[in-house]
N, C-alpha and C. Protein backbone atom coordinates (compact mmCIF):
# COMPACT_ATOMS: atom_id res chain seq x y z
N MET A 1 93.18 104.18 104.50
CA MET A 1 94.11 105.28 104.34
C MET A 1 94.93 105.07 103.06
N ASN A 2 95.12 106.13 102.33
CA ASN A 2 95.89 106.04 101.10
C ASN A 2 97.38 105.90 101.40
N LYS A 3 98.07 105.22 100.49
CA LYS A 3 99.50 105.00 100.64
C LYS A 3 100.29 106.15 100.04
N VAL A 4 101.39 106.48 100.69
CA VAL A 4 102.39 107.38 100.12
C VAL A 4 103.69 106.58 100.10
N ILE A 5 104.14 106.27 98.89
CA ILE A 5 105.35 105.47 98.73
C ILE A 5 106.45 106.35 98.16
N ALA A 6 107.55 106.44 98.90
CA ALA A 6 108.71 107.20 98.43
C ALA A 6 109.71 106.21 97.85
N ILE A 7 110.09 106.44 96.60
CA ILE A 7 111.06 105.60 95.91
C ILE A 7 112.42 106.28 96.04
N VAL A 8 113.39 105.56 96.60
CA VAL A 8 114.73 106.11 96.78
C VAL A 8 115.75 105.20 96.10
N GLY A 9 116.87 105.78 95.74
CA GLY A 9 117.94 105.01 95.11
C GLY A 9 118.88 105.94 94.40
N MET A 10 120.03 105.41 94.04
CA MET A 10 121.01 106.20 93.32
C MET A 10 120.56 106.38 91.87
N CYS A 11 121.17 107.33 91.20
CA CYS A 11 120.85 107.63 89.81
C CYS A 11 121.05 106.38 88.95
N GLY A 12 120.03 106.05 88.16
CA GLY A 12 120.14 104.89 87.28
C GLY A 12 119.72 103.58 87.90
N SER A 13 119.24 103.62 89.15
CA SER A 13 118.86 102.38 89.82
C SER A 13 117.50 101.86 89.33
N GLY A 14 116.65 102.75 88.84
CA GLY A 14 115.34 102.34 88.36
C GLY A 14 114.19 102.97 89.11
N LYS A 15 114.43 104.11 89.76
CA LYS A 15 113.37 104.78 90.52
C LYS A 15 112.19 105.16 89.62
N SER A 16 112.49 105.73 88.48
CA SER A 16 111.41 106.17 87.58
C SER A 16 110.62 105.00 87.03
N VAL A 17 111.28 103.86 86.84
CA VAL A 17 110.57 102.66 86.37
C VAL A 17 109.52 102.25 87.41
N ALA A 18 109.92 102.19 88.67
CA ALA A 18 108.97 101.83 89.74
C ALA A 18 107.83 102.84 89.81
N SER A 19 108.18 104.12 89.74
CA SER A 19 107.16 105.17 89.81
C SER A 19 106.20 105.07 88.64
N ASP A 20 106.72 104.82 87.46
CA ASP A 20 105.86 104.68 86.27
C ASP A 20 104.93 103.47 86.39
N ILE A 21 105.44 102.36 86.91
CA ILE A 21 104.60 101.18 87.11
C ILE A 21 103.47 101.50 88.08
N LEU A 22 103.80 102.15 89.20
CA LEU A 22 102.77 102.48 90.18
C LEU A 22 101.75 103.47 89.60
N GLU A 23 102.24 104.41 88.82
CA GLU A 23 101.35 105.40 88.22
C GLU A 23 100.48 104.78 87.12
N ASN A 24 101.09 104.10 86.18
CA ASN A 24 100.39 103.62 84.99
C ASN A 24 99.60 102.34 85.22
N ASP A 25 100.11 101.43 86.03
CA ASP A 25 99.45 100.14 86.24
C ASP A 25 98.52 100.11 87.46
N PHE A 26 98.79 100.98 88.45
CA PHE A 26 98.04 100.91 89.70
C PHE A 26 97.36 102.22 90.09
N GLY A 27 97.45 103.23 89.23
CA GLY A 27 96.71 104.47 89.44
C GLY A 27 97.26 105.42 90.48
N TYR A 28 98.48 105.22 90.93
CA TYR A 28 99.08 106.15 91.88
C TYR A 28 99.28 107.50 91.20
N LYS A 29 99.18 108.56 91.97
CA LYS A 29 99.53 109.90 91.49
C LYS A 29 101.03 110.09 91.76
N LYS A 30 101.76 110.56 90.75
CA LYS A 30 103.21 110.67 90.87
C LYS A 30 103.63 112.10 91.17
N VAL A 31 104.57 112.22 92.11
CA VAL A 31 105.22 113.49 92.41
C VAL A 31 106.71 113.26 92.16
N TYR A 32 107.24 113.96 91.15
CA TYR A 32 108.62 113.78 90.73
C TYR A 32 109.51 114.84 91.37
N PHE A 33 110.34 114.41 92.32
CA PHE A 33 111.21 115.35 93.05
C PHE A 33 112.18 116.07 92.10
N GLY A 34 112.71 115.34 91.13
CA GLY A 34 113.64 115.95 90.18
C GLY A 34 113.01 117.04 89.34
N GLY A 35 111.69 117.01 89.22
CA GLY A 35 110.99 118.04 88.47
C GLY A 35 111.16 119.43 89.06
N VAL A 36 111.37 119.50 90.37
CA VAL A 36 111.60 120.81 91.01
C VAL A 36 112.86 121.44 90.42
N THR A 37 113.92 120.65 90.30
CA THR A 37 115.18 121.15 89.74
C THR A 37 114.98 121.63 88.31
N ILE A 38 114.34 120.80 87.50
CA ILE A 38 114.11 121.13 86.10
C ILE A 38 113.26 122.40 85.98
N ASP A 39 112.19 122.48 86.77
CA ASP A 39 111.32 123.66 86.73
C ASP A 39 112.07 124.93 87.10
N LYS A 40 112.90 124.86 88.12
CA LYS A 40 113.67 126.04 88.56
C LYS A 40 114.67 126.46 87.49
N LEU A 41 115.31 125.49 86.83
CA LEU A 41 116.25 125.83 85.75
C LEU A 41 115.51 126.53 84.61
N LYS A 42 114.34 126.01 84.26
CA LYS A 42 113.55 126.61 83.18
C LYS A 42 113.12 128.04 83.55
N GLU A 43 112.70 128.22 84.83
CA GLU A 43 112.28 129.54 85.29
C GLU A 43 113.40 130.56 85.11
N GLU A 44 114.63 130.12 85.31
CA GLU A 44 115.77 131.02 85.22
C GLU A 44 116.40 131.04 83.83
N GLY A 45 115.81 130.30 82.90
CA GLY A 45 116.30 130.30 81.53
C GLY A 45 117.65 129.62 81.37
N LEU A 46 117.95 128.68 82.26
CA LEU A 46 119.23 127.97 82.21
C LEU A 46 119.09 126.64 81.47
N ASP A 47 120.17 126.24 80.82
CA ASP A 47 120.19 124.95 80.14
C ASP A 47 120.03 123.81 81.13
N ILE A 48 119.33 122.77 80.68
CA ILE A 48 119.18 121.58 81.50
C ILE A 48 120.33 120.65 81.15
N ASN A 49 121.30 120.58 82.06
CA ASN A 49 122.46 119.72 81.88
C ASN A 49 122.96 119.32 83.26
N PRO A 50 123.82 118.30 83.36
CA PRO A 50 124.25 117.82 84.68
C PRO A 50 124.85 118.90 85.57
N GLU A 51 125.63 119.81 85.01
CA GLU A 51 126.27 120.85 85.82
C GLU A 51 125.24 121.81 86.42
N ASN A 52 124.29 122.25 85.59
CA ASN A 52 123.26 123.17 86.09
C ASN A 52 122.31 122.48 87.06
N GLU A 53 122.01 121.21 86.80
CA GLU A 53 121.14 120.47 87.72
C GLU A 53 121.79 120.36 89.09
N LYS A 54 123.07 120.02 89.12
CA LYS A 54 123.80 119.93 90.40
C LYS A 54 123.79 121.28 91.11
N MET A 55 124.09 122.34 90.36
CA MET A 55 124.11 123.68 90.94
C MET A 55 122.76 124.02 91.55
N MET A 56 121.68 123.74 90.83
CA MET A 56 120.35 124.10 91.31
C MET A 56 119.95 123.27 92.53
N ARG A 57 120.23 121.96 92.49
CA ARG A 57 119.91 121.12 93.65
C ARG A 57 120.60 121.65 94.90
N GLU A 58 121.87 121.97 94.74
CA GLU A 58 122.64 122.43 95.90
C GLU A 58 122.22 123.84 96.32
N ARG A 59 121.88 124.70 95.36
CA ARG A 59 121.44 126.06 95.71
C ARG A 59 120.11 126.03 96.46
N LEU A 60 119.18 125.21 96.00
CA LEU A 60 117.89 125.11 96.70
C LEU A 60 118.09 124.65 98.14
N ARG A 61 119.00 123.72 98.33
CA ARG A 61 119.26 123.22 99.68
C ARG A 61 119.99 124.27 100.53
N GLU A 62 120.83 125.07 99.89
CA GLU A 62 121.49 126.17 100.61
C GLU A 62 120.45 127.16 101.10
N GLU A 63 119.51 127.50 100.23
CA GLU A 63 118.50 128.51 100.53
C GLU A 63 117.43 128.02 101.50
N LEU A 64 116.99 126.75 101.33
CA LEU A 64 115.84 126.25 102.09
C LEU A 64 116.18 125.15 103.08
N GLY A 65 117.44 124.76 103.13
CA GLY A 65 117.84 123.67 104.01
C GLY A 65 117.84 122.34 103.27
N MET A 66 118.35 121.32 103.93
CA MET A 66 118.49 120.02 103.29
C MET A 66 117.15 119.36 102.98
N GLY A 67 116.09 119.83 103.58
CA GLY A 67 114.76 119.29 103.30
C GLY A 67 114.01 120.10 102.25
N ALA A 68 114.73 120.87 101.44
CA ALA A 68 114.14 121.82 100.49
C ALA A 68 113.05 121.21 99.62
N PHE A 69 113.34 120.08 99.00
CA PHE A 69 112.39 119.51 98.05
C PHE A 69 111.13 119.04 98.75
N ALA A 70 111.26 118.50 99.93
CA ALA A 70 110.07 118.09 100.70
C ALA A 70 109.25 119.31 101.10
N LYS A 71 109.91 120.39 101.49
CA LYS A 71 109.20 121.62 101.85
C LYS A 71 108.42 122.16 100.66
N ILE A 72 109.05 122.16 99.49
CA ILE A 72 108.41 122.67 98.29
C ILE A 72 107.23 121.80 97.87
N LEU A 73 107.39 120.48 97.97
CA LEU A 73 106.38 119.55 97.44
C LEU A 73 105.34 119.10 98.46
N LEU A 74 105.54 119.34 99.75
CA LEU A 74 104.64 118.84 100.79
C LEU A 74 103.17 119.23 100.56
N PRO A 75 102.86 120.48 100.24
CA PRO A 75 101.43 120.80 100.01
C PRO A 75 100.81 119.96 98.89
N LYS A 76 101.54 119.77 97.81
CA LYS A 76 101.04 118.96 96.69
C LYS A 76 100.85 117.51 97.13
N ILE A 77 101.81 116.97 97.87
CA ILE A 77 101.73 115.58 98.32
C ILE A 77 100.52 115.39 99.25
N LYS A 78 100.34 116.31 100.19
CA LYS A 78 99.21 116.21 101.12
C LYS A 78 97.88 116.26 100.37
N GLU A 79 97.77 117.17 99.42
CA GLU A 79 96.54 117.32 98.66
C GLU A 79 96.23 116.06 97.86
N LEU A 80 97.24 115.55 97.15
CA LEU A 80 97.03 114.34 96.34
C LEU A 80 96.69 113.13 97.20
N SER A 81 97.31 113.03 98.39
CA SER A 81 97.12 111.84 99.22
C SER A 81 95.76 111.80 99.91
N LYS A 82 95.01 112.89 99.86
CA LYS A 82 93.66 112.89 100.44
C LYS A 82 92.77 111.88 99.72
N ASP A 83 92.91 111.80 98.39
CA ASP A 83 92.01 110.98 97.59
C ASP A 83 92.70 109.91 96.76
N ASN A 84 94.03 109.81 96.88
CA ASN A 84 94.77 108.91 96.01
C ASN A 84 95.95 108.27 96.74
N ASN A 85 96.38 107.12 96.23
CA ASN A 85 97.69 106.62 96.58
C ASN A 85 98.69 107.48 95.82
N VAL A 86 99.84 107.76 96.43
CA VAL A 86 100.83 108.67 95.84
C VAL A 86 102.19 107.99 95.83
N VAL A 87 102.91 108.17 94.72
CA VAL A 87 104.29 107.70 94.65
C VAL A 87 105.19 108.93 94.51
N LEU A 88 106.22 108.97 95.35
CA LEU A 88 107.21 110.04 95.32
C LEU A 88 108.43 109.50 94.59
N ASP A 89 108.66 110.03 93.41
CA ASP A 89 109.76 109.58 92.56
C ASP A 89 111.01 110.37 92.90
N GLY A 90 111.92 109.74 93.66
CA GLY A 90 113.23 110.33 93.87
C GLY A 90 113.39 111.18 95.10
N LEU A 91 112.79 110.82 96.21
CA LEU A 91 113.14 111.48 97.47
C LEU A 91 114.66 111.37 97.63
N TYR A 92 115.31 112.47 97.95
CA TYR A 92 116.77 112.48 97.96
C TYR A 92 117.40 112.40 99.34
N SER A 93 117.05 113.30 100.23
CA SER A 93 117.85 113.45 101.45
C SER A 93 117.15 112.92 102.70
N TRP A 94 117.96 112.68 103.71
CA TRP A 94 117.46 112.26 105.02
C TRP A 94 116.53 113.31 105.59
N ASP A 95 116.89 114.59 105.47
CA ASP A 95 116.05 115.66 105.99
C ASP A 95 114.68 115.67 105.29
N GLU A 96 114.68 115.40 103.99
CA GLU A 96 113.40 115.32 103.28
C GLU A 96 112.54 114.20 103.86
N TYR A 97 113.16 113.07 104.10
CA TYR A 97 112.41 111.95 104.68
C TYR A 97 111.87 112.33 106.06
N LYS A 98 112.69 112.96 106.88
CA LYS A 98 112.25 113.34 108.23
C LYS A 98 111.06 114.29 108.17
N ILE A 99 111.10 115.27 107.28
CA ILE A 99 109.99 116.22 107.13
C ILE A 99 108.73 115.48 106.71
N LEU A 100 108.85 114.63 105.71
CA LEU A 100 107.67 113.93 105.20
C LEU A 100 107.13 112.93 106.21
N SER A 101 108.01 112.21 106.91
CA SER A 101 107.52 111.21 107.86
C SER A 101 106.84 111.87 109.07
N LYS A 102 107.23 113.08 109.37
CA LYS A 102 106.58 113.83 110.46
C LYS A 102 105.18 114.30 110.04
N GLU A 103 105.05 114.66 108.77
CA GLU A 103 103.79 115.21 108.25
C GLU A 103 102.85 114.14 107.70
N LEU A 104 103.41 113.00 107.28
CA LEU A 104 102.62 111.93 106.66
C LEU A 104 102.85 110.64 107.44
N ASN A 105 101.86 110.21 108.18
CA ASN A 105 102.07 109.03 109.02
C ASN A 105 102.00 107.71 108.25
N ASN A 106 101.80 107.81 106.93
CA ASN A 106 101.63 106.59 106.14
C ASN A 106 102.70 106.44 105.05
N ILE A 107 103.85 107.08 105.22
CA ILE A 107 104.88 107.02 104.19
C ILE A 107 105.66 105.71 104.27
N ILE A 108 105.90 105.11 103.11
CA ILE A 108 106.64 103.86 102.99
C ILE A 108 107.84 104.14 102.10
N LEU A 109 109.03 103.75 102.54
CA LEU A 109 110.25 103.92 101.75
C LEU A 109 110.60 102.63 101.03
N ILE A 110 110.73 102.71 99.71
CA ILE A 110 111.20 101.57 98.93
C ILE A 110 112.52 101.98 98.28
N SER A 111 113.56 101.23 98.58
CA SER A 111 114.89 101.50 98.04
C SER A 111 115.16 100.60 96.84
N ILE A 112 115.52 101.22 95.72
CA ILE A 112 115.88 100.48 94.52
C ILE A 112 117.42 100.47 94.46
N ILE A 113 117.99 99.29 94.39
CA ILE A 113 119.45 99.19 94.34
C ILE A 113 119.87 98.37 93.13
N ALA A 114 121.00 98.73 92.59
CA ALA A 114 121.56 98.02 91.44
C ALA A 114 123.07 98.21 91.48
N ASP A 115 123.78 97.26 90.94
CA ASP A 115 125.23 97.36 90.87
C ASP A 115 125.62 98.64 90.13
N LYS A 116 126.72 99.26 90.58
CA LYS A 116 127.17 100.51 89.95
C LYS A 116 127.35 100.40 88.45
N ASN A 117 128.04 99.37 88.01
CA ASN A 117 128.31 99.28 86.57
C ASN A 117 127.04 99.09 85.76
N ILE A 118 126.05 98.42 86.32
CA ILE A 118 124.76 98.30 85.64
C ILE A 118 124.09 99.67 85.58
N ARG A 119 124.12 100.41 86.68
CA ARG A 119 123.54 101.76 86.68
C ARG A 119 124.23 102.66 85.67
N TYR A 120 125.53 102.62 85.67
CA TYR A 120 126.29 103.50 84.77
C TYR A 120 126.01 103.16 83.31
N ASP A 121 125.87 101.89 83.02
CA ASP A 121 125.54 101.48 81.65
C ASP A 121 124.15 101.98 81.27
N ARG A 122 123.18 101.83 82.17
CA ARG A 122 121.82 102.32 81.91
C ARG A 122 121.82 103.82 81.66
N LEU A 123 122.56 104.53 82.50
CA LEU A 123 122.59 105.99 82.39
C LEU A 123 123.18 106.45 81.06
N SER A 124 124.14 105.72 80.56
CA SER A 124 124.77 106.10 79.30
C SER A 124 123.84 105.87 78.11
N LYS A 125 122.84 105.00 78.30
CA LYS A 125 121.94 104.62 77.20
C LYS A 125 120.55 105.25 77.28
N ARG A 126 120.26 105.94 78.37
CA ARG A 126 118.89 106.45 78.50
C ARG A 126 118.66 107.61 77.53
N ASP A 127 117.40 107.75 77.13
CA ASP A 127 117.03 108.76 76.13
C ASP A 127 117.06 110.17 76.70
N ILE A 128 116.58 110.31 77.92
CA ILE A 128 116.48 111.64 78.53
C ILE A 128 117.64 111.83 79.49
N ARG A 129 118.39 112.90 79.27
CA ARG A 129 119.52 113.28 80.12
C ARG A 129 120.51 112.13 80.35
N PRO A 130 121.05 111.56 79.28
CA PRO A 130 122.05 110.49 79.47
C PRO A 130 123.30 111.05 80.15
N LEU A 131 124.00 110.18 80.87
CA LEU A 131 125.23 110.56 81.55
C LEU A 131 126.36 109.63 81.13
N THR A 132 127.54 110.19 81.01
CA THR A 132 128.72 109.35 80.81
C THR A 132 129.04 108.68 82.14
N LYS A 133 129.90 107.68 82.11
CA LYS A 133 130.30 107.02 83.35
C LYS A 133 130.92 108.04 84.31
N GLU A 134 131.76 108.92 83.81
CA GLU A 134 132.40 109.92 84.66
C GLU A 134 131.36 110.86 85.28
N GLN A 135 130.39 111.30 84.49
CA GLN A 135 129.33 112.16 85.03
C GLN A 135 128.53 111.43 86.09
N ALA A 136 128.25 110.15 85.86
CA ALA A 136 127.47 109.36 86.83
C ALA A 136 128.24 109.18 88.13
N ILE A 137 129.52 108.90 88.03
CA ILE A 137 130.36 108.77 89.24
C ILE A 137 130.36 110.09 90.01
N ASN A 138 130.57 111.19 89.30
CA ASN A 138 130.58 112.50 89.95
C ASN A 138 129.24 112.81 90.61
N ARG A 139 128.15 112.42 89.96
CA ARG A 139 126.83 112.66 90.54
C ARG A 139 126.65 111.80 91.79
N ASP A 140 127.04 110.53 91.72
CA ASP A 140 126.96 109.66 92.90
C ASP A 140 127.67 110.29 94.09
N ILE A 141 128.90 110.69 93.88
CA ILE A 141 129.71 111.23 94.97
C ILE A 141 129.10 112.53 95.49
N SER A 142 128.68 113.39 94.59
CA SER A 142 128.06 114.65 95.00
C SER A 142 126.80 114.41 95.82
N GLU A 143 125.96 113.47 95.39
CA GLU A 143 124.71 113.21 96.11
C GLU A 143 124.96 112.57 97.46
N ILE A 144 125.97 111.75 97.56
CA ILE A 144 126.29 111.13 98.85
C ILE A 144 126.88 112.16 99.81
N GLU A 145 127.82 112.96 99.31
CA GLU A 145 128.53 113.91 100.17
C GLU A 145 127.76 115.18 100.46
N ASN A 146 126.99 115.66 99.48
CA ASN A 146 126.40 116.99 99.62
C ASN A 146 124.92 117.01 99.97
N ILE A 147 124.20 115.93 99.71
CA ILE A 147 122.76 116.00 100.00
C ILE A 147 122.24 114.83 100.84
N ALA A 148 123.14 114.08 101.44
CA ALA A 148 122.74 113.01 102.37
C ALA A 148 121.73 112.05 101.74
N LYS A 149 122.04 111.58 100.53
CA LYS A 149 121.14 110.69 99.82
C LYS A 149 121.17 109.26 100.36
N ALA A 150 122.29 108.85 100.94
CA ALA A 150 122.43 107.47 101.38
C ALA A 150 121.54 107.07 102.55
N PRO A 151 121.31 107.92 103.56
CA PRO A 151 120.51 107.47 104.70
C PRO A 151 119.12 106.95 104.37
N PRO A 152 118.32 107.62 103.51
CA PRO A 152 117.00 107.04 103.21
C PRO A 152 117.11 105.70 102.48
N ILE A 153 118.17 105.54 101.67
CA ILE A 153 118.37 104.27 100.99
C ILE A 153 118.65 103.18 102.02
N ALA A 154 119.48 103.49 102.99
CA ALA A 154 119.83 102.52 104.03
C ALA A 154 118.67 102.22 104.97
N TYR A 155 117.80 103.20 105.19
CA TYR A 155 116.72 103.09 106.17
C TYR A 155 115.40 102.59 105.59
N ALA A 156 115.38 102.21 104.34
CA ALA A 156 114.14 101.85 103.65
C ALA A 156 113.37 100.73 104.34
N ASP A 157 112.07 100.75 104.12
CA ASP A 157 111.19 99.69 104.62
C ASP A 157 111.33 98.42 103.77
N TYR A 158 111.57 98.62 102.47
CA TYR A 158 111.68 97.51 101.53
C TYR A 158 112.79 97.80 100.53
N TYR A 159 113.33 96.73 99.96
CA TYR A 159 114.38 96.84 98.96
C TYR A 159 114.01 96.04 97.72
N ILE A 160 114.41 96.60 96.58
CA ILE A 160 114.30 95.87 95.32
C ILE A 160 115.68 95.87 94.69
N LEU A 161 116.22 94.67 94.48
CA LEU A 161 117.48 94.54 93.76
C LEU A 161 117.14 94.55 92.28
N ASN A 162 117.63 95.56 91.57
CA ASN A 162 117.26 95.75 90.17
C ASN A 162 118.45 95.44 89.25
N ASN A 163 118.94 94.22 89.34
CA ASN A 163 120.00 93.77 88.43
C ASN A 163 119.47 92.80 87.38
N GLY A 164 118.21 92.40 87.53
CA GLY A 164 117.66 91.35 86.66
C GLY A 164 116.72 91.88 85.61
N THR A 165 115.66 91.11 85.38
CA THR A 165 114.70 91.45 84.33
C THR A 165 113.63 92.41 84.85
N ILE A 166 112.95 93.04 83.92
CA ILE A 166 111.86 93.94 84.29
C ILE A 166 110.73 93.16 84.95
N ASN A 167 110.51 91.91 84.55
CA ASN A 167 109.46 91.11 85.17
C ASN A 167 109.78 90.80 86.63
N GLU A 168 111.03 90.45 86.93
CA GLU A 168 111.44 90.21 88.32
C GLU A 168 111.25 91.48 89.15
N TYR A 169 111.64 92.58 88.57
CA TYR A 169 111.53 93.88 89.23
C TYR A 169 110.06 94.19 89.56
N LYS A 170 109.20 94.04 88.57
CA LYS A 170 107.78 94.34 88.75
C LYS A 170 107.14 93.39 89.77
N GLU A 171 107.50 92.11 89.71
CA GLU A 171 106.95 91.14 90.68
C GLU A 171 107.28 91.54 92.11
N ARG A 172 108.52 91.97 92.34
CA ARG A 172 108.92 92.38 93.69
C ARG A 172 108.16 93.64 94.11
N LEU A 173 107.99 94.58 93.21
CA LEU A 173 107.25 95.80 93.54
C LEU A 173 105.81 95.47 93.89
N ILE A 174 105.18 94.60 93.13
CA ILE A 174 103.79 94.21 93.40
C ILE A 174 103.70 93.48 94.74
N GLU A 175 104.67 92.65 95.03
CA GLU A 175 104.73 91.94 96.31
C GLU A 175 104.76 92.95 97.46
N ILE A 176 105.54 94.00 97.30
CA ILE A 176 105.68 95.02 98.36
C ILE A 176 104.39 95.81 98.56
N ILE A 177 103.78 96.28 97.47
CA ILE A 177 102.60 97.14 97.62
C ILE A 177 101.34 96.37 97.96
N GLY A 178 101.38 95.05 97.72
CA GLY A 178 100.25 94.23 98.12
C GLY A 178 99.01 94.37 97.25
N ASP A 179 99.20 94.87 96.03
CA ASP A 179 98.06 95.00 95.11
C ASP A 179 98.00 93.84 94.15
């Protein structure tokens, strides 16, 4: 049976790094949850910025429920998982996890955690959609309070502490996936 690995964690923890490693080094097919937000903003001709992203994430959940992103992406995930291992980059909410775990009996949650100040520093330096410390703090609070992001992080099957080197990070990920 093919694996479906959901990568969870706060912004700047290293979710995309894990997803990229699984995709590029191990052939997993990647489904990027954040891409739904970006695609919807583009469809509506809105600028891609932290304020619009927050608005769109919250609007989609208002319209479709807290499991919105899982509902939108489930057909794609099911199709890809027929013939491939799949990595879900950025599962956000508890409801999304519940929907996916009900529909996919092989889902594995990996939580990426890092100290806040390390995350905030990374976010300020990233090339795509950098965030100031204040923006990162606001996003953390919004995601915890408004979209129930913390429960899947707390309930994960495995954890990776991402405060060290990329080699330590990759070794732990490989240890978890067993490849």
